[in-house]
Protein backbone atom coordinates (compact mmCIF):
# COMPACT_ATOMS: atom_id res chain seq x y z
CA UNK A 1 97.24 80.16 111.57
CA UNK A 2 94.03 82.22 111.19
CA UNK A 3 93.77 81.35 107.53
CA UNK A 4 94.09 77.63 108.26
CA UNK A 5 91.54 77.74 111.10
CA UNK A 6 89.04 79.59 108.91
CA UNK A 7 89.58 77.03 106.15
CA UNK A 8 88.93 74.20 108.58
CA UNK A 9 85.67 75.77 109.84
CA UNK A 10 84.55 76.33 106.28
CA UNK A 11 85.36 72.74 105.32
CA UNK A 12 83.40 71.40 108.29
CA UNK A 13 80.39 73.63 107.63
CA UNK A 14 80.09 72.60 103.97
CA UNK A 15 81.18 68.99 104.31
CA UNK A 16 78.75 67.95 101.60
CA UNK A 17 80.53 70.13 99.04
CA UNK A 18 83.68 68.85 97.28
CA UNK A 19 86.65 70.71 98.77
CA UNK A 20 89.10 72.51 96.53
CA UNK A 21 92.75 71.45 96.59
CA UNK A 22 93.64 74.58 98.56
CA UNK A 23 90.94 73.88 101.13
CA UNK A 24 92.06 70.27 101.48
CA UNK A 25 95.70 71.25 102.03
CA UNK A 26 94.66 73.94 104.51
CA UNK A 27 92.74 71.28 106.42
CA UNK A 28 95.81 69.05 106.64
CA UNK A 29 97.90 71.95 107.96
CA UNK A 30 95.19 72.94 110.44
CA UNK A 31 94.62 69.46 111.84
CA UNK A 32 97.91 67.55 111.59
CA UNK A 33 99.85 67.49 114.89
CA UNK A 34 103.03 67.66 112.79
CA UNK A 35 102.04 71.15 111.63
CA UNK A 36 101.58 72.60 115.11
CA UNK A 37 104.44 74.87 116.11
CA UNK A 38 106.49 74.02 113.03
CA UNK A 39 107.27 76.16 110.00
CA UNK A 40 105.87 75.07 106.63
CA UNK A 41 106.47 76.44 103.15
CA UNK A 42 104.59 75.14 100.10
CA UNK A 43 104.13 76.02 96.47
CA UNK A 44 102.32 73.95 93.83
CA UNK A 45 102.12 75.02 90.16
CA UNK A 46 100.40 73.44 87.16
CA UNK A 47 103.17 72.94 84.57
CA UNK A 48 100.89 73.29 81.55
CA UNK A 49 99.08 76.48 82.51
CA UNK A 50 101.53 78.02 85.00
CA UNK A 51 98.64 78.45 87.44
CA UNK A 52 99.51 78.49 91.12
CA UNK A 53 97.39 75.75 92.70
CA UNK A 54 98.54 76.37 96.27
CA UNK A 55 101.11 78.40 98.15
CA UNK A 56 101.96 79.12 101.75
CA UNK A 57 105.09 80.94 102.94
CA UNK A 58 106.41 80.48 99.41
CA UNK A 59 108.82 83.44 99.71
CA UNK A 60 110.12 82.63 103.19
CA UNK A 61 113.51 81.03 103.73
CA UNK A 62 113.95 77.42 104.83
CA UNK A 63 116.88 75.09 105.43
CA UNK A 64 116.39 72.70 102.47
CA UNK A 65 118.59 69.76 103.60
CA UNK A 66 119.09 67.42 100.64
CA UNK A 67 116.72 69.40 98.44
CA UNK A 68 119.97 71.28 97.81
CA UNK A 69 120.92 68.37 95.55
CA UNK A 70 118.22 69.51 93.11
CA UNK A 71 120.27 72.65 92.48
CA UNK A 72 123.58 70.81 92.26
CA UNK A 73 122.45 68.03 89.94
CA UNK A 74 120.54 70.47 87.71
CA UNK A 75 123.69 72.59 87.48
CA UNK A 76 125.91 69.61 86.63
CA UNK A 77 123.47 68.15 84.09
CA UNK A 78 123.04 71.53 82.39
CA UNK A 79 126.65 72.69 82.42
CA UNK A 80 128.49 69.40 81.79
CA UNK A 81 125.88 67.43 79.86
CA UNK A 82 124.63 63.89 80.47
CA UNK A 83 127.54 62.22 78.63
CA UNK A 84 130.39 63.89 80.52
CA UNK A 85 132.96 61.41 81.88
CA UNK A 86 135.82 61.30 84.40
CA UNK A 87 139.24 59.70 84.01
CA UNK A 88 141.46 58.02 86.60
CA UNK A 89 145.05 57.40 85.50
CA UNK A 90 148.28 55.82 86.73
CA UNK A 91 151.41 57.71 85.71
CA UNK A 92 155.16 57.06 86.00
CA UNK A 93 158.28 59.09 85.15
CA UNK A 94 159.17 56.60 82.38
CA UNK A 95 158.17 53.18 81.09
CA UNK A 96 159.48 50.16 82.98
CA UNK A 97 163.08 49.31 82.10
CA UNK A 98 164.25 45.97 80.69
CA UNK A 99 163.84 44.37 84.13
CA UNK A 100 160.35 45.76 84.68
CA UNK A 101 161.49 48.46 87.13
CA UNK A 102 159.89 51.88 87.52
CA UNK A 103 162.62 54.29 88.63
CA UNK A 104 160.63 56.64 90.80
CA UNK A 105 157.10 57.08 92.05
CA UNK A 106 153.94 55.58 90.64
CA UNK A 107 151.21 58.25 90.66
CA UNK A 108 147.52 57.33 90.95
CA UNK A 109 145.80 60.44 89.62
CA UNK A 110 142.17 61.09 90.51
CA UNK A 111 139.97 62.88 88.02
CA UNK A 112 136.83 63.15 90.13
CA UNK A 113 135.19 59.81 89.29
CA UNK A 114 132.63 59.22 92.08
CA UNK A 115 132.17 55.53 91.27
CA UNK A 116 135.49 53.79 91.80
CA UNK A 117 133.57 51.30 93.91
CA UNK A 118 131.48 48.15 93.84
CA UNK A 119 128.28 50.02 93.02
CA UNK A 120 126.10 48.71 90.20
CA UNK A 121 125.75 51.15 87.30
CA UNK A 122 123.16 51.97 85.96
CA UNK A 123 121.31 52.40 89.25
CA UNK A 124 119.15 49.43 90.18
CA UNK A 125 116.92 48.90 93.19
CA UNK A 126 118.25 46.14 95.46
CA UNK A 127 121.38 45.70 93.32
CA UNK A 128 123.98 43.64 95.22
CA UNK A 129 127.23 45.39 96.08
CA UNK A 130 130.25 44.27 94.12
CA UNK A 131 133.94 44.35 94.97
CA UNK A 132 134.63 47.83 96.44
CA UNK A 133 138.18 47.69 95.06
CA UNK A 134 137.28 46.44 91.56
CA UNK A 135 138.52 49.66 89.94
CA UNK A 136 141.84 49.48 91.78
CA UNK A 137 142.24 45.83 90.81
CA UNK A 138 141.61 46.74 87.18
CA UNK A 139 144.27 49.44 87.26
CA UNK A 140 146.73 47.06 88.90
CA UNK A 141 146.06 44.46 86.19
CA UNK A 142 146.78 47.05 83.51
CA UNK A 143 150.03 48.02 85.23
CA UNK A 144 151.15 44.41 85.44
CA UNK A 145 150.31 43.94 81.76
CA UNK A 146 152.75 46.77 80.95
CA UNK A 147 155.52 44.58 82.35
CA UNK A 148 156.03 46.40 85.66
CA UNK A 149 157.78 44.17 88.22
CA UNK A 150 159.17 46.70 90.69
CA UNK A 151 158.48 50.28 91.80
CA UNK A 152 161.50 51.91 93.37
CA UNK A 153 159.59 54.90 94.73
CA UNK A 154 156.28 55.55 96.47
CA UNK A 155 152.72 54.91 95.41
CA UNK A 156 151.30 58.43 95.36
CA UNK A 157 147.57 59.07 95.60
CA UNK A 158 147.19 62.40 93.79
CA UNK A 159 143.83 64.18 94.20
CA UNK A 160 145.06 67.64 93.18
CA UNK A 161 142.56 67.82 90.29
CA UNK A 162 140.25 69.35 92.90
CA UNK A 163 141.43 71.60 95.70
CA UNK A 164 141.83 69.83 99.03
CA UNK A 165 138.65 71.11 100.67
CA UNK A 166 137.38 67.93 102.31
CA UNK A 167 134.50 69.54 104.21
CA UNK A 168 132.14 72.38 103.34
CA UNK A 169 131.26 75.33 105.60
CA UNK A 170 128.31 74.59 107.84
CA UNK A 171 128.86 70.85 108.29
CA UNK A 172 128.48 69.50 111.84
CA UNK A 173 131.42 68.33 113.90
CA UNK A 174 130.10 64.75 113.88
CA UNK A 175 129.54 64.59 110.11
CA UNK A 176 133.12 63.65 109.08
CA UNK A 177 133.01 60.44 111.15
CA UNK A 178 130.48 58.61 108.98
CA UNK A 179 129.55 58.13 105.35
CA UNK A 180 127.16 61.11 105.57
CA UNK A 181 130.12 63.49 105.72
CA UNK A 182 132.93 61.58 104.03
CA UNK A 183 135.72 63.92 102.92
CA UNK A 184 135.58 65.20 99.35
CA UNK A 185 138.50 64.21 97.13
CA UNK A 186 139.17 63.98 93.40
CA UNK A 187 140.45 60.48 94.17
CA UNK A 188 137.43 58.75 95.67
CA UNK A 189 137.46 55.01 96.44
CA UNK A 190 134.35 53.19 97.75
CA UNK A 191 132.66 56.52 98.57
CA UNK A 192 135.65 57.29 100.81
CA UNK A 193 134.38 54.90 103.46
CA UNK A 194 135.00 51.44 104.81
CA UNK A 195 132.87 49.05 106.81
CA UNK A 196 133.91 47.90 110.27
CA UNK A 197 132.05 44.77 111.34
CA UNK A 198 131.98 44.26 115.11
CA UNK A 199 131.15 40.74 116.31
CA UNK A 200 131.25 39.11 119.77
CA UNK A 201 134.13 36.93 120.86
CA UNK A 202 133.65 33.24 121.55
CA UNK A 203 133.23 33.70 125.31
CA UNK A 204 132.00 36.29 127.79
CA UNK A 205 134.74 38.77 128.60
CA UNK A 206 136.51 38.30 125.24
CA UNK A 207 137.40 41.35 123.20
CA UNK A 208 135.07 41.82 120.22
CA UNK A 209 136.20 40.65 116.78
CA UNK A 210 136.73 43.26 114.08
CA UNK A 211 136.57 42.78 110.31
CA UNK A 212 137.38 45.46 107.73
CA UNK A 213 135.78 45.76 104.29
CA UNK A 214 137.78 46.48 102.19
CA UNK A 215 140.49 44.58 104.10
CA UNK A 216 142.89 47.52 104.37
CA UNK A 217 144.23 48.53 107.78
CA UNK A 218 143.94 52.28 107.92
CA UNK A 219 143.16 53.65 111.39
CA UNK A 220 144.93 52.48 114.54
CA UNK A 221 141.85 51.22 116.40
CA UNK A 222 141.94 50.83 120.18
CA UNK A 223 139.34 48.08 120.55
CA UNK A 224 137.74 48.10 124.02
CA UNK A 225 134.46 46.38 123.13
CA UNK A 226 133.89 43.38 125.39
CA UNK A 227 131.69 40.33 124.89
CA UNK A 228 128.82 40.43 127.39
CA UNK A 229 126.33 37.80 128.61
CA UNK A 230 123.35 36.99 126.41
CA UNK A 231 120.46 39.38 126.97
CA UNK A 232 122.63 42.45 127.54
CA UNK A 233 121.82 45.31 125.20
CA UNK A 234 124.44 45.92 122.54
CA UNK A 235 126.12 49.32 123.03
CA UNK A 236 129.02 50.31 120.80
CA UNK A 237 130.63 53.71 120.38
CA UNK A 238 133.21 54.77 117.80
CA UNK A 239 135.25 57.89 118.53
CA UNK A 240 137.80 59.64 116.37
CA UNK A 241 138.94 63.24 116.39
CA UNK A 242 138.83 64.67 112.85
CA UNK A 243 142.40 64.83 111.58
CA UNK A 244 143.55 61.94 113.73
CA UNK A 245 144.49 58.46 112.53
CA UNK A 246 143.75 56.98 115.94
CA UNK A 247 140.27 55.75 116.85
CA UNK A 248 138.67 54.18 119.88
CA UNK A 249 135.95 51.57 119.93
CA UNK A 250 134.19 50.99 123.23
CA UNK A 251 131.11 49.28 124.65
CA UNK A 252 129.67 45.79 124.96
CA UNK A 253 128.21 43.22 122.59
CA UNK A 254 126.33 40.13 123.83
CA UNK A 255 127.68 36.66 123.10
CA UNK A 256 126.06 35.07 120.00
CA UNK A 257 125.00 38.51 118.73
CA UNK A 258 124.98 38.70 114.92
CA UNK A 259 127.19 41.78 115.06
CA UNK A 260 126.89 45.26 113.63
CA UNK A 261 128.36 47.09 110.65
CA UNK A 262 129.73 50.60 111.16
CA UNK A 263 130.28 52.65 108.00
CA UNK A 264 133.18 54.98 108.71
CA UNK A 265 134.69 57.82 106.72
CA UNK A 266 138.32 57.81 105.57
CA UNK A 267 140.44 60.72 106.77
CA UNK A 268 142.63 61.00 103.64
CA UNK A 269 141.04 59.30 100.61
CA UNK A 270 144.07 59.82 98.38
CA UNK A 271 146.38 57.96 100.76
CA UNK A 272 143.79 55.22 101.23
CA UNK A 273 143.59 54.78 97.45
CA UNK A 274 147.38 54.59 97.29
CA UNK A 275 147.35 51.90 99.99
CA UNK A 276 144.76 49.94 98.04
CA UNK A 277 146.79 50.14 94.84
CA UNK A 278 149.97 49.12 96.65
CA UNK A 279 148.22 46.01 98.05
CA UNK A 280 146.83 45.17 94.62
CA UNK A 281 150.27 45.46 93.00
CA UNK A 282 151.93 43.35 95.68
CA UNK A 283 149.27 40.67 95.27
CA UNK A 284 150.42 40.43 91.64
CA UNK A 285 154.04 39.97 92.64
CA UNK A 286 155.08 43.56 92.00
CA UNK A 287 157.57 44.81 94.60
CA UNK A 288 157.05 48.34 95.96
CA UNK A 289 160.07 49.79 97.72
CA UNK A 290 158.40 52.99 98.92
CA UNK A 291 155.32 53.92 100.91
CA UNK A 292 151.73 54.79 100.13
CA UNK A 293 151.39 58.57 100.38
CA UNK A 294 149.01 61.31 99.31
CA UNK A 295 149.51 64.49 97.32
CA UNK A 296 146.93 67.28 97.52
CA UNK A 297 148.77 69.94 95.49
CA UNK A 298 149.69 69.84 91.79
CA UNK A 299 153.06 68.37 90.88
CA UNK A 300 155.54 69.96 88.50
CA UNK A 301 154.91 69.41 84.81
CA UNK A 302 157.64 66.81 84.37
CA UNK A 303 157.24 64.36 81.47
CA UNK A 304 155.28 61.24 82.40
CA UNK A 305 154.04 58.01 80.88
CA UNK A 306 150.51 56.68 81.33
CA UNK A 307 150.46 53.06 82.50
CA UNK A 308 146.76 52.58 83.16
CA UNK A 309 143.43 54.37 82.79
CA UNK A 310 139.77 54.02 83.71
CA UNK A 311 136.95 56.07 82.18
CA UNK A 312 133.77 56.54 84.19
CA UNK A 313 130.21 55.86 83.18
CA UNK A 314 128.36 58.91 81.76
CA UNK A 315 127.63 61.68 84.26
CA UNK A 316 123.86 61.18 84.10
CA UNK A 317 124.28 57.73 85.67
CA UNK A 318 126.01 59.20 88.69
CA UNK A 319 123.57 62.09 89.04
CA UNK A 320 120.80 59.48 89.14
CA UNK A 321 122.58 57.76 92.04
CA UNK A 322 123.16 61.12 93.72
CA UNK A 323 119.48 62.08 93.77
CA UNK A 324 117.85 58.69 94.17
CA UNK A 325 119.87 57.58 97.21
CA UNK A 326 120.77 61.14 98.32
CA UNK A 327 124.53 60.59 98.15
CA UNK A 328 126.18 63.60 99.81
CA UNK A 329 129.74 62.95 98.62
CA UNK A 330 128.68 62.58 94.99
CA UNK A 331 126.79 65.88 95.10
CA UNK A 332 129.89 67.64 96.43
CA UNK A 333 131.99 66.04 93.70
CA UNK A 334 129.52 67.22 91.05
CA UNK A 335 129.78 70.80 92.32
CA UNK A 336 133.57 70.70 92.09
CA UNK A 337 133.43 69.05 88.67
CA UNK A 338 131.45 72.02 87.35
CA UNK A 339 133.92 74.45 88.89
CA UNK A 340 136.85 72.64 87.34
CA UNK A 341 135.28 72.33 83.88
CA UNK A 342 133.82 75.82 83.64
CA UNK A 343 136.16 77.97 85.76
CA UNK A 344 139.36 75.90 85.77
CA UNK A 345 139.22 75.45 89.54
CA UNK A 346 137.93 72.37 91.32
CA UNK A 347 136.81 74.33 94.36
CA UNK A 348 133.62 75.02 96.27
CA UNK A 349 133.95 78.70 95.37
CA UNK A 350 134.25 78.03 91.64
CA UNK A 351 131.28 75.66 91.71
CA UNK A 352 129.20 78.24 93.56
CA UNK A 353 130.20 80.99 91.13
CA UNK A 354 128.87 78.85 88.30
CA UNK A 355 125.76 78.09 90.37
CA UNK A 356 125.06 81.81 90.76
CA UNK A 357 125.47 82.30 87.02
CA UNK A 358 123.15 79.37 86.25
CA UNK A 359 120.43 80.52 88.65
CA UNK A 360 120.63 84.09 87.36
CA UNK A 361 120.10 82.78 83.82
CA UNK A 362 116.90 81.01 84.84
CA UNK A 363 115.50 84.03 86.63
CA UNK A 364 116.43 83.36 90.26
CA UNK A 365 117.75 86.55 91.92
CA UNK A 366 120.80 86.30 94.15
CA UNK A 367 118.81 87.32 97.23
CA UNK A 368 116.38 84.38 96.83
CA UNK A 369 118.79 81.71 98.11
CA UNK A 370 121.91 81.16 100.20
CA UNK A 371 123.90 78.01 99.32
CA UNK A 372 127.21 76.95 100.82
CA UNK A 373 127.59 73.32 99.75
CA UNK A 374 126.42 70.94 97.05
CA UNK A 375 124.80 68.25 99.18
CA UNK A 376 122.59 70.04 101.68
CA UNK A 377 124.53 68.79 104.68
CA UNK A 378 125.38 72.42 105.50
CA UNK A 379 122.96 73.92 107.99
CA UNK A 380 123.76 77.33 106.49
CA UNK A 381 121.82 76.74 103.26
CA UNK A 382 118.57 78.65 102.73
CA UNK A 383 116.05 78.57 99.88
CA UNK A 384 112.40 79.49 99.38
CA UNK A 385 109.74 77.20 97.93
CA UNK A 386 109.32 79.75 95.10
CA UNK A 387 113.03 79.46 94.26
CA UNK A 388 112.77 75.67 94.14
CA UNK A 389 109.77 76.00 91.80
CA UNK A 390 111.70 78.26 89.41
CA UNK A 391 114.39 75.60 89.15
CA UNK A 392 111.88 72.78 88.68
CA UNK A 393 109.92 74.66 86.01
CA UNK A 394 113.09 75.55 84.12
CA UNK A 395 114.34 71.97 84.06
CA UNK A 396 110.91 70.65 83.04
CA UNK A 397 110.88 73.04 80.07
CA UNK A 398 114.48 72.28 79.05
CA UNK A 399 115.65 69.77 76.41
CA UNK A 400 117.04 67.74 79.32
CA UNK A 401 113.58 67.08 80.81
CA UNK A 402 113.62 63.31 80.33
CA UNK A 403 117.08 62.81 81.80
CA UNK A 404 116.33 65.27 84.61
CA UNK A 405 113.14 63.61 85.81
CA UNK A 406 114.87 60.22 85.58
CA UNK A 407 117.26 61.35 88.32
CA UNK A 408 114.52 61.67 90.94
CA UNK A 409 113.23 59.00 93.34
CA UNK A 410 109.84 57.57 92.37
CA UNK A 411 107.15 57.08 95.00
CA UNK A 412 106.77 53.47 96.11
CA UNK A 413 109.39 52.30 93.59
CA UNK A 414 112.98 53.37 94.15
CA UNK A 415 115.50 55.52 95.94
CA UNK A 416 114.58 57.41 99.07
CA UNK A 417 110.85 57.19 98.17
CA UNK A 418 110.80 53.43 97.77
CA UNK A 419 108.98 52.88 101.06
CA UNK A 420 106.74 55.95 100.87
CA UNK A 421 103.30 56.12 99.22
CA UNK A 422 103.10 52.32 99.04
CA UNK A 423 99.57 51.10 98.21
CA UNK A 424 98.38 54.69 97.81
CA UNK A 425 96.98 56.55 94.77
CA UNK A 426 100.30 58.44 94.65
CA UNK A 427 102.44 55.33 94.09
CA UNK A 428 104.50 55.76 90.94
CA UNK A 429 103.24 59.33 90.42
CA UNK A 430 105.58 61.37 92.62
CA UNK A 431 109.05 62.07 91.20
CA UNK A 432 110.74 64.08 93.90
CA UNK A 433 113.84 64.68 95.99
CA UNK A 434 113.68 64.10 99.71
CA UNK A 435 115.53 66.10 102.35
CA UNK A 436 116.20 65.41 106.00
CA UNK A 437 118.25 66.92 108.80
CA UNK A 438 117.47 67.38 112.48
CA UNK A 439 114.14 69.25 112.61
CA UNK A 440 114.13 69.56 108.79
CA UNK A 441 112.08 67.58 106.28
CA UNK A 442 111.54 68.39 102.60
CA UNK A 443 110.07 66.97 99.42
CA UNK A 444 110.20 68.77 96.08
CA UNK A 445 109.72 67.64 92.50
CA UNK A 446 106.89 66.65 90.21
CA UNK A 447 103.55 64.88 90.47
CA UNK A 448 101.56 63.35 87.63
CA UNK A 449 97.93 63.67 88.65
CA UNK A 450 95.41 60.92 87.96
CA UNK A 451 93.75 63.03 85.32
CA UNK A 452 97.11 63.15 83.48
CA UNK A 453 98.46 66.66 84.02
CA UNK A 454 101.80 67.37 85.71
CA UNK A 455 102.51 69.78 88.54
CA UNK A 456 105.73 70.98 90.16
CA UNK A 457 105.75 71.31 93.93
CA UNK A 458 107.97 72.10 96.87
CA UNK A 459 107.17 71.34 100.51
CA UNK A 460 109.77 72.51 103.03
CA UNK A 461 109.30 71.99 106.77
CA UNK A 462 111.58 73.39 109.48
CA UNK A 463 111.59 73.62 113.27
CA UNK A 464 109.33 70.71 114.12
CA UNK A 465 109.59 68.85 117.40
CA UNK A 466 107.63 65.69 116.65
CA UNK A 467 108.83 62.40 115.15
CA UNK A 468 109.94 62.87 111.54
CA UNK A 469 107.55 60.11 110.47
CA UNK A 470 104.62 62.33 111.45
CA UNK A 471 105.90 65.22 109.33
CA UNK A 472 106.50 62.94 106.37
CA UNK A 473 103.01 61.53 106.81
CA UNK A 474 101.51 65.01 106.52
CA UNK A 475 103.68 65.78 103.48
CA UNK A 476 102.57 62.55 101.85
CA UNK A 477 98.90 63.32 102.50
CA UNK A 478 99.33 66.64 100.71
CA UNK A 479 100.98 64.92 97.75
CA UNK A 480 98.15 62.40 97.57
CA UNK A 481 95.63 65.26 97.54
CA UNK A 482 97.48 66.77 94.58
CA UNK A 483 97.43 63.42 92.76
CA UNK A 484 93.68 63.06 93.18
CA UNK A 485 92.70 66.72 92.68
CA UNK A 486 89.86 66.96 90.17
CA UNK A 487 89.08 63.23 90.23
CA UNK A 488 85.45 62.31 90.92
CA UNK A 489 85.17 59.67 93.63
């Protein structure tokens, strides 16, 4: 703090002199309430000259939150390439017989595609959501076109392409309930979530009305939400013990309320996908004698016939979604995809082994980071601003620079920076990944300054006890100073 206080006194005593970038940043840190009592780490480097423009606690460890996705998406882009694709297939023991019957199970085999959903690809700001089961409907149409009229066995959702490790070490106990911590599966449908819309009944005292999107009954929901008089505050609570298929909904919702959407995670994505396929087949008149079940371990290598297939969009399109909207599940899937492709194991451990190899190659020593997941949801992760800068500088110098920078949110334009830097000199000039957990805020990436040069930067903030908006405001002021550094006003 002494250095910052001295910088502030110097800035005040020579107010007529133009302040250097370092002095200006020191002033922000010395005067912003968001910097008091919190822990800040910063490094800023000119990408053309390699000159350090500013640094503070650059070698200290911080919880990076979703800045972890920078490491994961860089790894996936570098190791798999931008054109890598995923396949989802439907397999059967044999072709349908003369009556259209499949004698045995129908196996829906996940290959790690993150976008079996209604999401628009390529990424677009404000793109409307499509049918969340469009991919399943397509597969069902292909199956029907093969002449299948009856399945004598089960519909098996098989996600054994990746190991069944639905949650990473260091995730919170509440994370698996919502879309933030949806379980990781090689067979992912609609981001392994569904939407539960809760609306009031027609009269006071009525039980609330529930609507599922997609319309697949999955959990047994004990609905105890009652319709309350107008003017009562809406209070709704969803409770489910991880591992349980029973959930409880409680609270009140005022009459004439517009309702609320709850985005809830699916306990077993492979079984949910099997249920969705079974419904789609039955809607086409195909009779299914068995149940919808999941399989998390590899089956025997018995001969099979492929009835349907979907190939994903190129990997770079999903990595763009992952970074721009900070999609936790997709980052975890990317980590496992690298492990499967490079070490023949779709596991967290295999992905992390390849991560260690990648970071070693670019000059990051093993003692300069501690990563335990691909998304940054783990509170165990630790990195330094200097480590983040080594990654950013490597990717900027690589042949993948254009694709890499295209993954990042752009200030005032898209992704998680769409509403930040609006109407400021930094609008459109900051290409960076956000990060947020309780008492954690981060922003790391690139800035194109007004005089044309590019810098790489990392700002990591931990242990603050003020509203997050105040911390982000201070971060944004620093970024704006970097944009305008060297510009005569």
